Amino acid sequence: MKNKTFGPAIKEAREAQRLTQRGLAEQVGVKASHIAYIENGFRRPSLSLLRRLADTLGLDPREMLLLAHPEAKYLIGDAGGREQRKGEVWHRFASNRGLLRRHNVTAPELRLLKQVSLLQDVTSPGHFFFILNAIRQSAESAR
């Protein structure tokens, strides 16, 4: 998501999950017009709304914070970096039951993705859906 701003990143993630502004707004507890203002760059979300948006859309909260508040980069630096986030990404993905239900992730698929998470750095929960869809497509073409 480099070279993006917060609003378009939220819009892209929302559309990728086939959510309307109203649907996303209901899930995060705001009005649809507030989502529209955010996506169009007229408002920046509060920290609590930013977290709800990141959780709901399966986005990296740290990356979203830096997109919404670029001035925070100076305060955050790279402390914690990749090593700290490594396990957090899997935990955020596996613990988001609503997102897992929406994508019909089965227990065997979740076990397989857990193994994939051990192989390489996965920096976003959305990457697990990319991997899962590749696995599903491969299985369907083998039938």
N, C-alpha and C. Protein backbone atom coordinates (compact mmCIF):
# COMPACT_ATOMS: atom_id res chain seq x y z
N MET A 1 0.81 -1.20 0.00
CA MET A 1 0.00 0.00 0.00
C MET A 1 0.85 1.25 0.00
N LYS A 2 2.07 1.11 -0.39
CA LYS A 2 2.94 2.27 -0.45
C LYS A 2 2.39 3.23 -1.50
N ASN A 3 2.66 4.51 -1.29
CA ASN A 3 2.22 5.58 -2.19
C ASN A 3 0.72 5.74 -2.21
N LYS A 4 0.02 5.22 -1.23
CA LYS A 4 -1.42 5.40 -1.13
C LYS A 4 -1.70 6.32 0.04
N THR A 5 -2.88 6.87 -0.01
CA THR A 5 -3.35 7.61 1.14
C THR A 5 -4.41 6.76 1.83
N PHE A 6 -4.77 7.16 3.02
CA PHE A 6 -5.65 6.36 3.84
C PHE A 6 -7.01 6.10 3.18
N GLY A 7 -7.66 7.15 2.70
CA GLY A 7 -9.00 7.00 2.12
C GLY A 7 -9.08 5.98 1.01
N PRO A 8 -8.25 6.11 -0.03
CA PRO A 8 -8.27 5.12 -1.11
C PRO A 8 -7.90 3.71 -0.64
N ALA A 9 -7.04 3.59 0.36
CA ALA A 9 -6.68 2.26 0.88
C ALA A 9 -7.90 1.60 1.53
N ILE A 10 -8.68 2.39 2.27
CA ILE A 10 -9.89 1.87 2.92
C ILE A 10 -10.91 1.49 1.85
N LYS A 11 -11.08 2.36 0.85
CA LYS A 11 -12.04 2.09 -0.22
C LYS A 11 -11.67 0.81 -0.96
N GLU A 12 -10.40 0.64 -1.30
CA GLU A 12 -9.95 -0.55 -2.02
C GLU A 12 -10.20 -1.82 -1.20
N ALA A 13 -9.88 -1.77 0.08
CA ALA A 13 -10.09 -2.94 0.95
C ALA A 13 -11.59 -3.24 1.10
N ARG A 14 -12.39 -2.19 1.22
CA ARG A 14 -13.85 -2.37 1.36
C ARG A 14 -14.41 -3.01 0.10
N GLU A 15 -14.02 -2.50 -1.05
CA GLU A 15 -14.53 -3.04 -2.31
C GLU A 15 -14.03 -4.46 -2.55
N ALA A 16 -12.81 -4.76 -2.12
CA ALA A 16 -12.28 -6.12 -2.27
C ALA A 16 -13.10 -7.12 -1.49
N GLN A 17 -13.71 -6.66 -0.40
CA GLN A 17 -14.56 -7.54 0.40
C GLN A 17 -16.03 -7.42 0.02
N ARG A 18 -16.28 -6.70 -1.06
CA ARG A 18 -17.64 -6.51 -1.57
C ARG A 18 -18.58 -5.92 -0.53
N LEU A 19 -18.05 -4.96 0.22
CA LEU A 19 -18.87 -4.26 1.20
C LEU A 19 -19.26 -2.89 0.65
N THR A 20 -20.46 -2.46 0.95
CA THR A 20 -20.86 -1.11 0.62
C THR A 20 -20.37 -0.20 1.74
N GLN A 21 -20.41 1.10 1.49
CA GLN A 21 -20.06 2.04 2.57
C GLN A 21 -21.01 1.85 3.75
N ARG A 22 -22.27 1.62 3.44
CA ARG A 22 -23.25 1.41 4.51
C ARG A 22 -22.94 0.14 5.30
N GLY A 23 -22.59 -0.94 4.60
CA GLY A 23 -22.26 -2.20 5.26
C GLY A 23 -21.06 -2.07 6.16
N LEU A 24 -20.02 -1.40 5.68
CA LEU A 24 -18.82 -1.19 6.50
C LEU A 24 -19.16 -0.30 7.69
N ALA A 25 -19.94 0.74 7.44
CA ALA A 25 -20.32 1.66 8.52
C ALA A 25 -21.05 0.93 9.64
N GLU A 26 -21.96 0.03 9.27
CA GLU A 26 -22.69 -0.74 10.28
C GLU A 26 -21.75 -1.61 11.10
N GLN A 27 -20.76 -2.21 10.43
CA GLN A 27 -19.84 -3.10 11.14
C GLN A 27 -18.91 -2.35 12.10
N VAL A 28 -18.57 -1.11 11.77
CA VAL A 28 -17.65 -0.36 12.64
C VAL A 28 -18.35 0.65 13.53
N GLY A 29 -19.67 0.79 13.38
CA GLY A 29 -20.44 1.64 14.29
C GLY A 29 -20.44 3.13 13.98
N VAL A 30 -20.43 3.48 12.69
CA VAL A 30 -20.54 4.89 12.30
C VAL A 30 -21.57 5.01 11.19
N LYS A 31 -21.83 6.23 10.75
CA LYS A 31 -22.75 6.45 9.64
C LYS A 31 -22.02 6.26 8.31
N ALA A 32 -22.76 5.89 7.29
CA ALA A 32 -22.19 5.68 5.96
C ALA A 32 -21.53 6.96 5.45
N SER A 33 -22.12 8.10 5.77
CA SER A 33 -21.53 9.37 5.32
C SER A 33 -20.14 9.58 5.91
N HIS A 34 -19.91 9.08 7.12
CA HIS A 34 -18.59 9.19 7.76
C HIS A 34 -17.56 8.37 6.97
N ILE A 35 -17.96 7.19 6.53
CA ILE A 35 -17.07 6.35 5.70
C ILE A 35 -16.77 7.08 4.39
N ALA A 36 -17.77 7.69 3.80
CA ALA A 36 -17.58 8.43 2.54
C ALA A 36 -16.60 9.58 2.75
N TYR A 37 -16.75 10.32 3.84
CA TYR A 37 -15.83 11.42 4.13
C TYR A 37 -14.40 10.91 4.30
N ILE A 38 -14.25 9.78 4.97
CA ILE A 38 -12.91 9.20 5.19
C ILE A 38 -12.31 8.76 3.85
N GLU A 39 -13.09 8.03 3.06
CA GLU A 39 -12.59 7.54 1.77
C GLU A 39 -12.21 8.67 0.82
N ASN A 40 -12.89 9.80 0.93
CA ASN A 40 -12.61 10.94 0.05
C ASN A 40 -11.61 11.92 0.63
N GLY A 41 -11.05 11.58 1.79
CA GLY A 41 -9.99 12.40 2.39
C GLY A 41 -10.46 13.64 3.10
N PHE A 42 -11.74 13.74 3.42
CA PHE A 42 -12.24 14.91 4.12
C PHE A 42 -12.16 14.78 5.63
N ARG A 43 -11.99 13.56 6.12
CA ARG A 43 -11.86 13.31 7.56
C ARG A 43 -10.81 12.24 7.79
N ARG A 44 -10.20 12.30 8.97
CA ARG A 44 -9.32 11.23 9.42
C ARG A 44 -10.01 10.55 10.59
N PRO A 45 -9.89 9.24 10.67
CA PRO A 45 -10.59 8.52 11.74
C PRO A 45 -9.91 8.70 13.09
N SER A 46 -10.70 8.56 14.13
CA SER A 46 -10.12 8.51 15.48
C SER A 46 -9.31 7.23 15.57
N LEU A 47 -8.49 7.13 16.59
CA LEU A 47 -7.69 5.92 16.75
C LEU A 47 -8.56 4.69 16.97
N SER A 48 -9.65 4.84 17.72
CA SER A 48 -10.51 3.68 17.95
C SER A 48 -11.23 3.26 16.66
N LEU A 49 -11.66 4.22 15.86
CA LEU A 49 -12.29 3.89 14.58
C LEU A 49 -11.26 3.29 13.63
N LEU A 50 -10.06 3.81 13.63
CA LEU A 50 -9.00 3.27 12.78
C LEU A 50 -8.77 1.80 13.11
N ARG A 51 -8.76 1.46 14.38
CA ARG A 51 -8.56 0.05 14.77
C ARG A 51 -9.73 -0.82 14.30
N ARG A 52 -10.97 -0.31 14.48
CA ARG A 52 -12.13 -1.09 14.04
C ARG A 52 -12.11 -1.29 12.52
N LEU A 53 -11.72 -0.25 11.78
CA LEU A 53 -11.62 -0.38 10.33
C LEU A 53 -10.57 -1.41 9.94
N ALA A 54 -9.40 -1.33 10.55
CA ALA A 54 -8.32 -2.27 10.25
C ALA A 54 -8.75 -3.70 10.57
N ASP A 55 -9.37 -3.90 11.74
CA ASP A 55 -9.81 -5.25 12.12
C ASP A 55 -10.88 -5.78 11.17
N THR A 56 -11.85 -4.94 10.85
CA THR A 56 -12.96 -5.36 10.00
C THR A 56 -12.49 -5.69 8.58
N LEU A 57 -11.55 -4.89 8.07
CA LEU A 57 -11.09 -5.07 6.69
C LEU A 57 -9.86 -5.96 6.59
N GLY A 58 -9.36 -6.43 7.74
CA GLY A 58 -8.19 -7.29 7.72
C GLY A 58 -6.92 -6.58 7.29
N LEU A 59 -6.78 -5.32 7.70
CA LEU A 59 -5.61 -4.53 7.32
C LEU A 59 -4.65 -4.40 8.51
N ASP A 60 -3.41 -4.09 8.21
CA ASP A 60 -2.39 -3.90 9.23
C ASP A 60 -2.65 -2.57 9.95
N PRO A 61 -2.97 -2.61 11.26
CA PRO A 61 -3.31 -1.38 11.97
C PRO A 61 -2.16 -0.36 11.98
N ARG A 62 -0.93 -0.85 12.07
CA ARG A 62 0.23 0.05 12.09
C ARG A 62 0.33 0.78 10.75
N GLU A 63 0.18 0.04 9.66
CA GLU A 63 0.24 0.66 8.34
C GLU A 63 -0.90 1.66 8.16
N MET A 64 -2.08 1.31 8.63
CA MET A 64 -3.22 2.22 8.52
C MET A 64 -3.00 3.48 9.35
N LEU A 65 -2.42 3.33 10.53
CA LEU A 65 -2.11 4.49 11.37
C LEU A 65 -1.18 5.44 10.63
N LEU A 66 -0.15 4.88 10.01
CA LEU A 66 0.81 5.72 9.30
C LEU A 66 0.22 6.36 8.04
N LEU A 67 -0.75 5.68 7.42
CA LEU A 67 -1.42 6.30 6.27
C LEU A 67 -2.37 7.42 6.73
N ALA A 68 -3.08 7.17 7.82
CA ALA A 68 -4.05 8.16 8.32
C ALA A 68 -3.35 9.34 8.98
N HIS A 69 -2.23 9.05 9.64
CA HIS A 69 -1.50 10.09 10.38
C HIS A 69 -0.01 9.98 10.04
N PRO A 70 0.41 10.41 8.85
CA PRO A 70 1.80 10.25 8.44
C PRO A 70 2.79 10.89 9.41
N GLU A 71 2.34 11.92 10.12
CA GLU A 71 3.22 12.60 11.08
C GLU A 71 3.59 11.69 12.25
N ALA A 72 2.86 10.60 12.45
CA ALA A 72 3.14 9.66 13.54
C ALA A 72 4.39 8.83 13.26
N LYS A 73 4.85 8.81 12.03
CA LYS A 73 6.04 8.01 11.68
C LYS A 73 7.23 8.41 12.54
N TYR A 74 7.38 9.69 12.79
CA TYR A 74 8.47 10.18 13.62
C TYR A 74 8.39 9.62 15.03
N LEU A 75 7.18 9.52 15.56
CA LEU A 75 6.99 9.03 16.93
C LEU A 75 7.16 7.52 17.03
N ILE A 76 6.73 6.80 16.00
CA ILE A 76 6.75 5.34 16.04
C ILE A 76 8.11 4.80 15.65
N GLY A 77 8.73 5.39 14.64
CA GLY A 77 9.99 4.86 14.13
C GLY A 77 9.79 3.45 13.64
N ASP A 78 10.79 2.60 13.79
CA ASP A 78 10.65 1.20 13.40
C ASP A 78 10.79 0.29 14.60
N ALA A 79 10.61 0.84 15.80
CA ALA A 79 10.70 0.02 17.00
C ALA A 79 9.65 -1.07 16.96
N GLY A 80 10.02 -2.25 17.27
CA GLY A 80 9.08 -3.36 17.22
C GLY A 80 9.18 -4.09 15.90
N GLY A 81 9.32 -3.35 14.81
CA GLY A 81 9.54 -3.87 13.47
C GLY A 81 8.90 -5.20 13.14
N ARG A 82 9.52 -5.92 12.22
CA ARG A 82 8.99 -7.16 11.66
C ARG A 82 8.90 -8.29 12.67
N GLU A 83 9.89 -8.42 13.53
CA GLU A 83 9.90 -9.56 14.44
C GLU A 83 8.70 -9.54 15.38
N GLN A 84 8.36 -8.37 15.88
CA GLN A 84 7.22 -8.28 16.78
C GLN A 84 5.92 -8.56 16.04
N ARG A 85 5.82 -8.09 14.81
CA ARG A 85 4.57 -8.22 14.06
C ARG A 85 4.36 -9.62 13.51
N LYS A 86 5.41 -10.39 13.38
CA LYS A 86 5.34 -11.69 12.75
C LYS A 86 4.18 -12.54 13.29
N GLY A 87 4.14 -12.78 14.59
CA GLY A 87 3.08 -13.58 15.20
C GLY A 87 1.77 -12.84 15.29
N GLU A 88 1.83 -11.53 15.37
CA GLU A 88 0.61 -10.73 15.50
C GLU A 88 -0.28 -10.85 14.28
N VAL A 89 0.31 -10.93 13.10
CA VAL A 89 -0.47 -11.01 11.88
C VAL A 89 -1.30 -12.28 11.88
N TRP A 90 -0.68 -13.42 12.21
CA TRP A 90 -1.43 -14.67 12.26
C TRP A 90 -2.54 -14.58 13.32
N HIS A 91 -2.22 -14.05 14.47
CA HIS A 91 -3.21 -13.96 15.55
C HIS A 91 -4.40 -13.09 15.12
N ARG A 92 -4.12 -11.95 14.48
CA ARG A 92 -5.21 -11.07 14.03
C ARG A 92 -6.08 -11.79 13.00
N PHE A 93 -5.44 -12.51 12.09
CA PHE A 93 -6.17 -13.24 11.06
C PHE A 93 -7.03 -14.34 11.68
N ALA A 94 -6.41 -15.20 12.48
CA ALA A 94 -7.10 -16.37 13.04
C ALA A 94 -8.16 -16.01 14.06
N SER A 95 -8.03 -14.87 14.71
CA SER A 95 -9.00 -14.51 15.75
C SER A 95 -10.16 -13.67 15.22
N ASN A 96 -10.12 -13.26 13.96
CA ASN A 96 -11.20 -12.45 13.41
C ASN A 96 -12.29 -13.38 12.86
N ARG A 97 -13.13 -13.86 13.76
CA ARG A 97 -14.16 -14.85 13.41
C ARG A 97 -15.14 -14.36 12.35
N GLY A 98 -15.48 -13.09 12.39
CA GLY A 98 -16.41 -12.56 11.38
C GLY A 98 -15.83 -12.63 9.98
N LEU A 99 -14.58 -12.27 9.86
CA LEU A 99 -13.91 -12.31 8.57
C LEU A 99 -13.74 -13.75 8.09
N LEU A 100 -13.40 -14.65 9.00
CA LEU A 100 -13.26 -16.06 8.63
C LEU A 100 -14.58 -16.64 8.17
N ARG A 101 -15.68 -16.29 8.86
CA ARG A 101 -17.01 -16.77 8.46
C ARG A 101 -17.39 -16.21 7.09
N ARG A 102 -17.12 -14.92 6.88
CA ARG A 102 -17.49 -14.27 5.62
C ARG A 102 -16.80 -14.95 4.44
N HIS A 103 -15.58 -15.45 4.65
CA HIS A 103 -14.83 -16.09 3.58
C HIS A 103 -14.92 -17.62 3.64
N ASN A 104 -15.80 -18.13 4.51
CA ASN A 104 -16.04 -19.58 4.62
C ASN A 104 -14.76 -20.37 4.83
N VAL A 105 -13.90 -19.90 5.72
CA VAL A 105 -12.64 -20.59 5.99
C VAL A 105 -12.93 -21.78 6.89
N THR A 106 -12.57 -22.98 6.43
CA THR A 106 -12.82 -24.20 7.20
C THR A 106 -11.66 -24.45 8.17
N ALA A 107 -11.90 -25.33 9.14
CA ALA A 107 -10.86 -25.68 10.12
C ALA A 107 -9.62 -26.27 9.44
N PRO A 108 -9.77 -27.20 8.47
CA PRO A 108 -8.58 -27.71 7.78
C PRO A 108 -7.81 -26.62 7.04
N GLU A 109 -8.55 -25.68 6.42
CA GLU A 109 -7.89 -24.58 5.72
C GLU A 109 -7.13 -23.70 6.71
N LEU A 110 -7.73 -23.46 7.87
CA LEU A 110 -7.07 -22.66 8.89
C LEU A 110 -5.78 -23.32 9.37
N ARG A 111 -5.81 -24.65 9.54
CA ARG A 111 -4.60 -25.38 9.94
C ARG A 111 -3.52 -25.26 8.86
N LEU A 112 -3.92 -25.35 7.60
CA LEU A 112 -2.97 -25.23 6.51
C LEU A 112 -2.35 -23.83 6.48
N LEU A 113 -3.19 -22.81 6.66
CA LEU A 113 -2.68 -21.44 6.65
C LEU A 113 -1.77 -21.18 7.84
N LYS A 114 -2.03 -21.83 8.95
CA LYS A 114 -1.14 -21.71 10.12
C LYS A 114 0.26 -22.22 9.74
N GLN A 115 0.31 -23.33 9.00
CA GLN A 115 1.59 -23.86 8.54
C GLN A 115 2.26 -22.88 7.57
N VAL A 116 1.47 -22.28 6.68
CA VAL A 116 2.01 -21.30 5.73
C VAL A 116 2.61 -20.12 6.50
N SER A 117 1.98 -19.71 7.58
CA SER A 117 2.47 -18.56 8.34
C SER A 117 3.85 -18.82 8.93
N LEU A 118 4.19 -20.08 9.13
CA LEU A 118 5.49 -20.42 9.69
C LEU A 118 6.60 -20.40 8.63
N LEU A 119 6.23 -20.47 7.36
CA LEU A 119 7.21 -20.55 6.29
C LEU A 119 7.87 -19.21 5.96
N GLN A 120 7.14 -18.14 6.00
CA GLN A 120 7.63 -16.86 5.52
C GLN A 120 6.93 -15.74 6.28
N ASP A 121 7.52 -14.57 6.25
CA ASP A 121 6.88 -13.41 6.87
C ASP A 121 5.61 -13.08 6.10
N VAL A 122 4.51 -13.03 6.82
CA VAL A 122 3.25 -12.59 6.24
C VAL A 122 2.94 -11.28 6.94
N THR A 123 2.86 -10.20 6.18
CA THR A 123 2.77 -8.87 6.78
C THR A 123 1.37 -8.30 6.85
N SER A 124 0.39 -9.03 6.33
CA SER A 124 -0.98 -8.54 6.36
C SER A 124 -1.94 -9.71 6.41
N PRO A 125 -3.01 -9.61 7.23
CA PRO A 125 -4.00 -10.69 7.24
C PRO A 125 -4.60 -10.94 5.86
N GLY A 126 -4.67 -9.93 5.02
CA GLY A 126 -5.21 -10.10 3.67
C GLY A 126 -4.39 -11.06 2.83
N HIS A 127 -3.10 -11.19 3.14
CA HIS A 127 -2.25 -12.13 2.39
C HIS A 127 -2.73 -13.57 2.58
N PHE A 128 -3.27 -13.88 3.77
CA PHE A 128 -3.77 -15.23 4.00
C PHE A 128 -4.93 -15.55 3.06
N PHE A 129 -5.77 -14.55 2.75
CA PHE A 129 -6.88 -14.79 1.82
C PHE A 129 -6.35 -14.99 0.41
N PHE A 130 -5.30 -14.29 0.04
CA PHE A 130 -4.69 -14.51 -1.26
C PHE A 130 -4.18 -15.95 -1.36
N ILE A 131 -3.49 -16.40 -0.33
CA ILE A 131 -2.97 -17.77 -0.30
C ILE A 131 -4.11 -18.77 -0.33
N LEU A 132 -5.14 -18.53 0.49
CA LEU A 132 -6.28 -19.45 0.55
C LEU A 132 -6.99 -19.54 -0.80
N ASN A 133 -7.19 -18.42 -1.46
CA ASN A 133 -7.85 -18.45 -2.78
C ASN A 133 -7.00 -19.20 -3.80
N ALA A 134 -5.68 -19.04 -3.73
CA ALA A 134 -4.80 -19.79 -4.64
C ALA A 134 -4.93 -21.29 -4.38
N ILE A 135 -4.99 -21.67 -3.13
CA ILE A 135 -5.14 -23.08 -2.77
C ILE A 135 -6.49 -23.61 -3.27
N ARG A 136 -7.55 -22.84 -3.05
CA ARG A 136 -8.88 -23.27 -3.48
C ARG A 136 -8.96 -23.41 -5.00
N GLN A 137 -8.38 -22.46 -5.73
CA GLN A 137 -8.40 -22.53 -7.19
C GLN A 137 -7.62 -23.73 -7.69
N SER A 138 -6.50 -24.02 -7.04
CA SER A 138 -5.69 -25.16 -7.41
C SER A 138 -6.46 -26.45 -7.18
N ALA A 139 -7.16 -26.54 -6.06
CA ALA A 139 -7.93 -27.74 -5.74
C ALA A 139 -9.08 -27.94 -6.73
N GLU A 140 -9.73 -26.82 -7.12
CA GLU A 140 -10.85 -26.92 -8.07
C GLU A 140 -10.36 -27.36 -9.45
N SER A 141 -9.21 -26.88 -9.87
CA SER A 141 -8.72 -27.24 -11.21
C SER A 141 -8.21 -28.68 -11.23
N ALA A 142 -7.88 -29.24 -10.07
CA ALA A 142 -7.39 -30.62 -10.01
C ALA A 142 -8.55 -31.64 -10.08
N ARG A 143 -9.77 -31.17 -9.86
CA ARG A 143 -10.94 -32.07 -9.87
C ARG A 143 -11.34 -32.47 -11.25
